[in-house]
């Protein structure tokens, strides 16, 4: 500041107007007053210097205060950000605490359920041990055999009611039927002796003959009544097979959807997605398998699908025959296999096995 003032004082004034103004402002001082004026000028110079020094010190102090204020504002901003992060952390911790409490309660419930199941398993294990002990005794084996005989006798009685409801007989004449009492075309598994099966067309269920010819060769000239009779007969067979399977407690490999002469049979394997064959069967079976229904009647249906439905129905009958230890007569003998199933269950050998 002093340097600028000295430089300004030392600047040579060349402007005539300024020179004239300077001459006009010149004050004449008497020699006697020169000392006083010089002292006054000196004191004014000293005061100006002190004022400049105070101004400089105040400027430095003000700059330092401004710097401190800026730093304080930065610290406050950082503190506010830290406070916001802290609040966010508090919210996260509260949510985690809530989830932890819920998980703890669920774990306690599951632990209680598990302890209850363990206690029930212990009780069941004790009961099973006692049952095994009783079973190993002679009286236990006898009691078990008696219970099995009673169960088979009950099954035999229920299936005999099915046989009375849907009798399978030999069709002798146009209006004559003959009971197939001496019919024994299949044998127990392991016994190779078997007689020649009766022709499929000579058997009737509830007076209706089951003819498979329309299922293999359908044309415009096919007798519609014969097609309806075959559909009704297949509906009877499906109902009888469903009842027998429920009495024997055998889940059918090909489930039936009963509807009289408009019954259907389901097949799992026909609708499995081939693209899923590369994956694990256990993980994709439930997701990719859908029941494919096949009609047990011909009217308005494809003959191939209807013939396949009859094939699957016979497979269900074969499953029941294998369950009681009897051989099947083949895929083209639906009524004969059903008749053999009814006869085998109603025989005395079924109770003794």
Protein backbone atom coordinates (compact mmCIF):
# COMPACT_ATOMS: atom_id res chain seq x y z
CA UNK A 1 0.00 0.00 0.00
CA UNK A 2 2.80 2.40 0.97
CA UNK A 3 4.72 1.47 -2.16
CA UNK A 4 1.71 2.32 -4.34
CA UNK A 5 1.36 5.72 -2.59
CA UNK A 6 5.08 6.46 -2.98
CA UNK A 7 4.91 5.48 -6.63
CA UNK A 8 1.91 7.75 -7.08
CA UNK A 9 3.80 10.61 -5.42
CA UNK A 10 6.79 10.07 -7.62
CA UNK A 11 4.70 9.94 -10.82
CA UNK A 12 5.58 12.81 -13.12
CA UNK A 13 2.55 14.93 -13.97
CA UNK A 14 2.66 15.91 -17.65
CA UNK A 15 -0.99 16.91 -18.18
CA UNK A 16 -1.20 20.75 -18.40
CA UNK A 17 -4.64 20.82 -16.84
CA UNK A 18 -3.42 18.83 -13.89
CA UNK A 19 -0.36 21.02 -13.60
CA UNK A 20 -2.53 24.13 -13.54
CA UNK A 21 -4.85 22.50 -10.98
CA UNK A 22 -1.86 21.62 -8.86
CA UNK A 23 -0.61 25.21 -9.06
CA UNK A 24 -4.04 26.49 -8.09
CA UNK A 25 -4.18 24.13 -5.05
CA UNK A 26 -0.75 25.13 -3.85
CA UNK A 27 -1.00 26.71 -0.43
CA UNK A 28 1.54 29.23 0.59
CA UNK A 29 2.86 28.83 4.10
CA UNK A 30 4.63 31.40 6.06
CA UNK A 31 8.04 30.53 7.33
CA UNK A 32 6.95 31.03 10.89
CA UNK A 33 4.16 28.41 10.40
CA UNK A 34 6.37 25.98 8.52
CA UNK A 35 7.39 24.06 11.64
CA UNK A 36 3.80 23.72 12.77
CA UNK A 37 2.62 22.59 9.36
CA UNK A 38 5.50 20.17 9.10
CA UNK A 39 4.67 18.72 12.52
CA UNK A 40 1.00 18.47 11.59
CA UNK A 41 1.89 16.78 8.32
CA UNK A 42 4.15 14.39 10.16
CA UNK A 43 1.43 13.52 12.65
CA UNK A 44 -1.08 12.99 9.80
CA UNK A 45 1.39 10.75 8.05
CA UNK A 46 1.92 8.74 11.25
CA UNK A 47 -1.85 8.45 11.79
CA UNK A 48 -2.33 7.34 8.19
CA UNK A 49 0.38 4.76 8.59
CA UNK A 50 -1.21 3.44 11.80
CA UNK A 51 -4.60 3.33 10.08
CA UNK A 52 -3.13 1.37 7.17
CA UNK A 53 -1.46 -1.03 9.59
CA UNK A 54 -4.76 -1.53 11.46
CA UNK A 55 -6.52 -2.03 8.15
CA UNK A 56 -3.99 -4.67 7.12
CA UNK A 57 -4.26 -6.45 10.46
CA UNK A 58 -8.04 -6.36 10.27
CA UNK A 59 -7.90 -7.73 6.73
CA UNK A 60 -5.68 -10.62 7.86
CA UNK A 61 -7.93 -11.32 10.82
CA UNK A 62 -11.01 -11.18 8.59
CA UNK A 63 -9.46 -13.59 6.09
CA UNK A 64 -8.55 -15.97 8.89
CA UNK A 65 -12.11 -15.76 10.23
CA UNK A 66 -13.51 -16.38 6.76
CA UNK A 67 -11.26 -19.41 6.38
CA UNK A 68 -12.33 -20.69 9.78
CA UNK A 69 -15.97 -20.13 8.80
CA UNK A 70 -15.50 -22.08 5.55
CA UNK A 71 -13.83 -24.93 7.38
CA UNK A 72 -16.65 -24.91 9.91
CA UNK A 73 -19.24 -25.08 7.15
CA UNK A 74 -17.39 -27.98 5.53
CA UNK A 75 -17.27 -29.76 8.86
CA UNK A 76 -20.99 -29.14 9.33
CA UNK A 77 -21.73 -30.55 5.87
CA UNK A 78 -19.63 -33.62 6.60
CA UNK A 79 -21.33 -33.98 9.95
CA UNK A 80 -24.76 -33.77 8.28
CA UNK A 81 -23.77 -36.45 5.77
CA UNK A 82 -22.48 -38.64 8.58
CA UNK A 83 -25.75 -38.07 10.45
CA UNK A 84 -27.77 -39.12 7.37
CA UNK A 85 -25.64 -42.23 6.94
CA UNK A 86 -26.11 -42.98 10.62
CA UNK A 87 -29.90 -42.68 10.28
CA UNK A 88 -29.80 -44.99 7.27
CA UNK A 89 -27.73 -47.47 9.24
CA UNK A 90 -30.21 -47.23 12.09
CA UNK A 91 -33.08 -48.04 9.72
CA UNK A 92 -31.15 -51.00 8.29
CA UNK A 93 -30.33 -52.24 11.78
CA UNK A 94 -33.99 -51.88 12.81
CA UNK A 95 -35.08 -53.93 9.80
CA UNK A 96 -32.43 -56.53 10.50
CA UNK A 97 -33.52 -56.65 14.12
CA UNK A 98 -37.14 -57.17 13.05
CA UNK A 99 -36.16 -59.93 10.62
CA UNK A 100 -34.00 -61.48 13.30
CA UNK A 101 -36.90 -61.49 15.74
CA UNK A 102 -39.20 -63.05 13.15
CA UNK A 103 -36.56 -65.65 12.27
CA UNK A 104 -36.05 -66.38 15.95
CA UNK A 105 -39.78 -66.87 16.48
CA UNK A 106 -39.98 -69.12 13.42
CA UNK A 107 -37.00 -71.10 14.65
CA UNK A 108 -38.67 -71.51 18.04
CA UNK A 109 -41.89 -72.67 16.40
CA UNK A 110 -40.02 -75.10 14.18
CA UNK A 111 -38.06 -76.31 17.18
CA UNK A 112 -41.30 -76.91 19.06
CA UNK A 113 -42.78 -78.72 16.07
CA UNK A 114 -39.60 -80.75 15.68
CA UNK A 115 -39.59 -81.66 19.34
CA UNK A 116 -43.24 -82.69 19.06
CA UNK A 117 -42.45 -84.82 16.01
CA UNK A 118 -39.45 -86.32 17.79
CA UNK A 119 -41.64 -87.23 20.75
CA UNK A 120 -44.23 -88.72 18.43
CA UNK A 121 -41.47 -90.65 16.65
CA UNK A 122 -40.20 -91.92 19.98
CA UNK A 123 -43.70 -93.03 20.92
CA UNK A 124 -44.15 -94.60 17.48
CA UNK A 125 -40.75 -96.27 17.79
CA UNK A 126 -41.74 -97.69 21.16
CA UNK A 127 -45.03 -98.92 19.72
CA UNK A 128 -43.19 -100.37 16.73
CA UNK A 129 -40.72 -102.15 18.95
CA UNK A 130 -43.59 -103.58 20.97
CA UNK A 131 -45.37 -104.60 17.77
CA UNK A 132 -42.20 -106.25 16.46
CA UNK A 133 -41.78 -108.06 19.75
CA UNK A 134 -45.35 -109.30 19.60
CA UNK A 135 -44.94 -110.17 15.94
CA UNK A 136 -41.84 -112.25 16.56
CA UNK A 137 -43.80 -114.36 19.02
CA UNK A 138 -45.87 -117.22 17.76
CA UNK A 139 -49.12 -115.62 18.81
CA UNK A 140 -48.18 -112.43 16.97
CA UNK A 141 -47.64 -114.27 13.67
CA UNK A 142 -50.92 -116.08 14.07
CA UNK A 143 -52.71 -112.83 14.85
CA UNK A 144 -51.15 -111.16 11.82
CA UNK A 145 -52.18 -114.01 9.55
CA UNK A 146 -55.70 -113.87 10.94
CA UNK A 147 -55.87 -110.12 10.27
CA UNK A 148 -54.57 -110.67 6.75
CA UNK A 149 -57.16 -113.41 6.17
CA UNK A 150 -59.91 -111.11 7.42
CA UNK A 151 -58.69 -108.32 5.15
CA UNK A 152 -58.56 -110.61 2.13
CA UNK A 153 -61.97 -112.01 2.98
CA UNK A 154 -63.35 -108.48 3.12
CA UNK A 155 -61.69 -107.65 -0.20
CA UNK A 156 -63.10 -110.86 -1.64
CA UNK A 157 -66.60 -109.95 -0.51
CA UNK A 158 -66.38 -106.41 -1.93
CA UNK A 159 -65.05 -107.64 -5.26
CA UNK A 160 -67.77 -110.31 -5.39
CA UNK A 161 -70.25 -107.43 -5.23
CA UNK A 162 -68.46 -105.91 -8.20
CA UNK A 163 -68.77 -109.25 -9.99
CA UNK A 164 -72.51 -109.24 -9.31
CA UNK A 165 -72.78 -105.63 -10.49
CA UNK A 166 -70.77 -106.22 -13.68
CA UNK A 167 -70.98 -109.94 -14.50
CA UNK A 168 -68.69 -111.20 -17.27
CA UNK A 169 -70.27 -114.17 -19.06
CA UNK A 170 -69.82 -116.26 -22.19
CA UNK A 171 -72.14 -115.13 -24.96
CA UNK A 172 -73.57 -118.40 -26.37
CA UNK A 173 -76.45 -117.24 -28.51
CA UNK A 174 -78.34 -114.10 -29.46
CA UNK A 175 -80.29 -114.13 -26.19
CA UNK A 176 -78.45 -116.74 -24.14
CA UNK A 177 -75.53 -116.34 -21.77
CA UNK A 178 -73.56 -118.88 -19.83
CA UNK A 179 -71.65 -118.36 -16.62
CA UNK A 180 -67.92 -118.86 -17.01
CA UNK A 181 -67.49 -120.98 -13.89
CA UNK A 182 -65.03 -123.47 -15.35
CA UNK A 183 -63.05 -120.78 -17.15
CA UNK A 184 -59.41 -121.00 -16.10
CA UNK A 185 -57.32 -119.57 -18.87
CA UNK A 186 -54.48 -118.21 -16.75
CA UNK A 187 -52.44 -119.46 -13.87
CA UNK A 188 -50.47 -118.27 -10.89
CA UNK A 189 -47.06 -116.79 -11.60
CA UNK A 190 -44.48 -119.47 -11.77
CA UNK A 191 -46.89 -122.14 -13.05
CA UNK A 192 -46.38 -122.60 -16.80
CA UNK A 193 -49.61 -124.53 -17.29
CA UNK A 194 -52.30 -122.38 -18.89
CA UNK A 195 -55.25 -123.20 -21.10
CA UNK A 196 -56.13 -121.45 -24.32
CA UNK A 197 -58.01 -118.19 -23.70
CA UNK A 198 -61.57 -117.67 -24.74
CA UNK A 199 -62.17 -115.47 -27.79
CA UNK A 200 -62.70 -111.82 -26.91
CA UNK A 201 -65.90 -111.68 -28.94
CA UNK A 202 -67.50 -114.56 -26.98
CA UNK A 203 -67.47 -112.63 -23.67
CA UNK A 204 -69.96 -110.01 -22.57
CA UNK A 205 -70.15 -107.69 -19.58
CA UNK A 206 -73.65 -106.99 -18.31
CA UNK A 207 -74.99 -108.41 -21.57
CA UNK A 208 -72.85 -106.16 -23.80
CA UNK A 209 -70.30 -107.67 -26.13
CA UNK A 210 -66.97 -105.81 -26.49
CA UNK A 211 -65.89 -105.81 -30.13
CA UNK A 212 -62.45 -104.36 -30.82
CA UNK A 213 -62.81 -104.38 -34.60
CA UNK A 214 -64.16 -100.80 -34.84
CA UNK A 215 -61.15 -99.61 -32.85
CA UNK A 216 -58.80 -100.93 -35.52
CA UNK A 217 -60.88 -100.35 -38.65
CA UNK A 218 -63.43 -97.54 -38.53
CA UNK A 219 -65.38 -96.49 -41.62
CA UNK A 220 -68.53 -94.64 -42.62
CA UNK A 221 -70.42 -97.93 -42.84
CA UNK A 222 -69.53 -99.07 -39.31
CA UNK A 223 -72.57 -99.90 -37.22
CA UNK A 224 -73.17 -96.94 -34.88
CA UNK A 225 -75.06 -99.08 -32.38
CA UNK A 226 -72.14 -101.48 -32.17
CA UNK A 227 -69.82 -98.54 -31.49
CA UNK A 228 -72.14 -97.30 -28.73
CA UNK A 229 -72.38 -100.77 -27.19
CA UNK A 230 -68.57 -101.07 -27.15
CA UNK A 231 -68.26 -97.65 -25.48
CA UNK A 232 -70.82 -98.64 -22.84
CA UNK A 233 -69.03 -101.95 -22.23
CA UNK A 234 -65.72 -100.13 -21.84
CA UNK A 235 -67.38 -97.75 -19.37
CA UNK A 236 -68.53 -100.78 -17.33
CA UNK A 237 -65.02 -102.27 -17.43
CA UNK A 238 -63.45 -98.98 -16.37
CA UNK A 239 -65.82 -98.64 -13.41
CA UNK A 240 -65.23 -102.23 -12.34
CA UNK A 241 -61.44 -101.82 -12.58
CA UNK A 242 -61.61 -98.59 -10.57
CA UNK A 243 -63.63 -100.27 -7.81
CA UNK A 244 -61.37 -103.33 -7.66
CA UNK A 245 -58.24 -101.17 -7.49
CA UNK A 246 -59.70 -99.15 -4.61
CA UNK A 247 -60.66 -102.32 -2.70
CA UNK A 248 -57.21 -103.84 -3.23
CA UNK A 249 -55.59 -100.47 -2.40
CA UNK A 250 -53.59 -100.47 -5.63
CA UNK A 251 -52.91 -97.08 -7.30
CA UNK A 252 -53.48 -97.57 -11.00
CA UNK A 253 -50.57 -96.79 -13.29
CA UNK A 254 -53.01 -95.23 -15.76
CA UNK A 255 -55.71 -93.36 -13.81
CA UNK A 256 -59.30 -93.41 -15.00
CA UNK A 257 -61.78 -90.57 -15.35
CA UNK A 258 -65.14 -92.22 -15.17
CA UNK A 259 -68.01 -90.96 -17.26
CA UNK A 260 -70.07 -93.98 -18.24
CA UNK A 261 -69.87 -94.48 -21.99
CA UNK A 262 -67.71 -91.35 -22.19
CA UNK A 263 -64.91 -92.42 -19.87
CA UNK A 264 -61.25 -91.48 -20.30
CA UNK A 265 -57.91 -92.98 -19.26
CA UNK A 266 -54.83 -90.90 -18.47
CA UNK A 267 -51.23 -91.50 -19.45
CA UNK A 268 -48.24 -89.67 -17.94
CA UNK A 269 -45.57 -90.80 -20.37
CA UNK A 270 -47.33 -89.50 -23.48
CA UNK A 271 -46.95 -85.83 -22.49
CA UNK A 272 -43.39 -85.69 -21.12
CA UNK A 273 -41.41 -82.94 -22.82
CA UNK A 274 -38.50 -84.56 -24.75
CA UNK A 275 -36.39 -81.43 -24.24
CA UNK A 276 -36.28 -82.14 -20.53
CA UNK A 277 -34.73 -85.58 -20.99
CA UNK A 278 -31.25 -84.18 -20.48
CA UNK A 279 -32.16 -82.92 -17.01
CA UNK A 280 -32.70 -84.92 -13.87
CA UNK A 281 -35.90 -86.94 -14.00
CA UNK A 282 -36.75 -86.33 -10.37
CA UNK A 283 -36.55 -82.53 -10.68
CA UNK A 284 -38.37 -82.18 -14.01
CA UNK A 285 -41.07 -84.86 -13.77
CA UNK A 286 -43.47 -82.80 -11.69
CA UNK A 287 -42.93 -79.67 -13.81
CA UNK A 288 -43.03 -81.20 -17.33
CA UNK A 289 -45.50 -84.10 -16.98
CA UNK A 290 -49.13 -83.41 -17.81
CA UNK A 291 -51.86 -86.00 -17.96
CA UNK A 292 -52.79 -86.93 -21.52
CA UNK A 293 -56.34 -88.22 -21.73
CA UNK A 294 -57.39 -90.92 -24.17
CA UNK A 295 -61.06 -91.70 -24.89
CA UNK A 296 -62.57 -95.10 -24.18
CA UNK A 297 -65.09 -94.53 -26.96
CA UNK A 298 -65.00 -94.03 -30.72
CA UNK A 299 -67.73 -91.53 -31.48
CA UNK A 300 -66.12 -88.31 -32.67
CA UNK A 301 -62.63 -89.53 -31.70
CA UNK A 302 -59.50 -90.71 -33.45
CA UNK A 303 -59.43 -94.50 -33.74
CA UNK A 304 -55.71 -94.63 -32.86
CA UNK A 305 -56.25 -92.75 -29.60
CA UNK A 306 -59.27 -94.87 -28.73
CA UNK A 307 -57.39 -98.11 -29.44
CA UNK A 308 -54.51 -96.87 -27.28
CA UNK A 309 -57.00 -96.13 -24.48
CA UNK A 310 -58.24 -99.75 -24.62
CA UNK A 311 -54.62 -100.90 -24.52
CA UNK A 312 -53.98 -98.80 -21.39
CA UNK A 313 -57.15 -100.11 -19.74
CA UNK A 314 -55.96 -103.65 -20.29
CA UNK A 315 -52.60 -102.64 -18.78
CA UNK A 316 -54.42 -101.56 -15.62
CA UNK A 317 -56.12 -104.95 -15.47
CA UNK A 318 -52.72 -106.63 -15.96
CA UNK A 319 -51.36 -104.54 -13.08
CA UNK A 320 -54.10 -105.85 -10.78
CA UNK A 321 -53.49 -109.42 -11.99
CA UNK A 322 -49.78 -109.10 -11.26
CA UNK A 323 -50.60 -107.70 -7.83
CA UNK A 324 -52.44 -110.89 -6.85
CA UNK A 325 -49.87 -113.10 -8.62
CA UNK A 326 -51.78 -114.09 -11.75
CA UNK A 327 -50.54 -113.97 -15.33
CA UNK A 328 -52.27 -111.91 -17.99
CA UNK A 329 -53.71 -113.32 -21.19
CA UNK A 330 -52.31 -110.53 -23.36
CA UNK A 331 -53.17 -107.03 -24.56
CA UNK A 332 -56.21 -108.04 -26.66
CA UNK A 333 -58.22 -109.82 -23.96
CA UNK A 334 -59.81 -107.08 -21.86
CA UNK A 335 -62.91 -108.96 -20.74
CA UNK A 336 -61.02 -112.24 -20.37
CA UNK A 337 -58.44 -110.59 -18.10
CA UNK A 338 -61.19 -108.91 -16.08
CA UNK A 339 -63.02 -112.23 -15.74
CA UNK A 340 -59.83 -113.94 -14.60
CA UNK A 341 -59.19 -111.16 -12.09
CA UNK A 342 -62.69 -111.55 -10.60
CA UNK A 343 -62.38 -115.33 -10.54
CA UNK A 344 -58.94 -115.31 -8.92
CA UNK A 345 -59.94 -112.92 -6.16
CA UNK A 346 -63.09 -114.93 -5.40
CA UNK A 347 -61.20 -118.23 -5.24
CA UNK A 348 -60.17 -119.84 -1.94
CA UNK A 349 -56.50 -119.57 -2.93
CA UNK A 350 -56.65 -115.79 -2.63
CA UNK A 351 -57.45 -115.94 1.09
CA UNK A 352 -54.83 -118.59 1.83
CA UNK A 353 -51.97 -116.75 0.08
